[in-house]
Protein backbone atom coordinates (compact mmCIF):
# COMPACT_ATOMS: atom_id res chain seq x y z
CA MET A 1 115.68 67.84 107.80
CA ILE A 2 119.10 69.33 108.46
CA ASN A 3 119.83 71.25 111.33
CA VAL A 4 122.80 73.28 109.97
CA GLY A 5 124.25 74.91 113.80
CA GLU A 6 124.09 71.04 114.77
CA LYS A 7 125.51 70.06 111.13
CA SER A 8 123.02 67.36 111.71
CA GLY A 9 120.44 65.68 108.61
CA GLY A 10 117.78 62.92 108.72
CA TRP A 11 115.37 61.60 106.23
CA ILE A 12 112.19 63.51 105.51
CA SER A 13 109.13 61.54 104.64
CA THR A 14 107.39 62.11 100.93
CA GLU A 15 104.53 59.76 101.33
CA THR A 16 100.79 61.68 100.92
CA LEU A 17 98.42 61.57 103.39
CA PHE A 18 96.08 60.69 100.29
CA GLY A 19 97.44 58.07 97.38
CA ASP A 20 94.61 59.58 95.06
CA GLU A 21 91.45 61.67 96.14
CA SER A 22 88.86 63.48 93.97
CA MET A 23 86.45 64.71 94.69
CA HIS A 24 83.73 66.71 92.37
CA VAL A 25 80.63 69.13 93.71
CA TYR A 26 78.15 69.99 91.03
CA ASN A 27 75.50 72.79 91.56
CA LEU A 28 72.93 71.98 88.91
CA VAL A 29 69.35 73.22 88.16
CA LEU A 30 67.04 71.67 85.80
CA ASP A 31 65.64 74.32 83.00
CA LYS A 32 61.66 74.60 81.69
CA GLU A 33 63.49 72.78 78.60
CA ASN A 34 64.79 69.87 81.36
CA ARG A 35 68.56 70.85 80.65
CA LEU A 36 71.40 70.99 83.09
CA LYS A 37 72.85 73.85 83.39
CA GLY A 38 75.22 74.64 86.44
CA SER A 39 78.55 74.77 87.45
CA VAL A 40 81.25 71.68 88.37
CA THR A 41 83.96 72.19 91.33
CA ASN A 42 86.78 69.51 91.31
CA TYR A 43 89.24 69.12 94.13
CA PHE A 44 92.09 66.88 94.28
CA ASN A 45 94.51 65.42 96.35
CA GLY A 46 97.53 63.51 96.28
CA TYR A 47 98.35 61.52 92.94
CA ALA A 48 95.40 62.84 91.58
CA GLY A 49 96.38 66.67 92.71
CA LEU A 50 99.44 66.34 90.87
CA SER A 51 97.80 65.08 87.67
CA ALA A 52 95.69 67.89 87.23
CA ARG A 53 98.33 70.46 88.27
CA ASN A 54 100.76 68.58 85.28
CA SER A 55 97.55 69.01 83.07
CA TYR A 56 96.87 72.58 83.85
CA ARG A 57 100.31 73.43 83.43
CA THR A 58 100.94 71.74 80.10
CA ALA A 59 97.89 72.97 78.60
CA ILE A 60 98.62 76.17 75.97
CA ASN A 61 95.24 78.45 77.50
CA GLU A 62 91.87 78.16 78.98
CA GLU A 63 90.03 76.58 75.87
CA ASP A 64 93.12 73.64 75.20
CA TYR A 65 92.71 73.28 79.26
CA ILE A 66 88.93 72.74 79.42
CA LYS A 67 89.21 70.93 76.01
CA ASN A 68 91.43 68.22 77.62
CA LEU A 69 89.27 68.00 80.71
CA LYS A 70 86.68 67.04 78.83
CA LYS A 71 88.48 64.09 77.16
CA ILE A 72 89.85 62.96 80.27
CA LYS A 73 86.02 62.46 81.15
CA ARG A 74 85.30 60.27 78.67
CA ASP A 75 87.33 58.27 78.55
């Protein structure tokens, strides 16, 4: 951190509180044909958040992002 008035500076810690944290929340319903339907919400912190943000930013469009997300989940 730099204090321009006092012309002093110091180090700022860049360590994350979480090294790699992800949480997945599933809201599913089993229908009469025994199929699950619903939604998934993903939360990411730390390096997992950085990876998720980079994946989102490099996708060409929503379809490309979802295709890559499904591929990652299979691996």
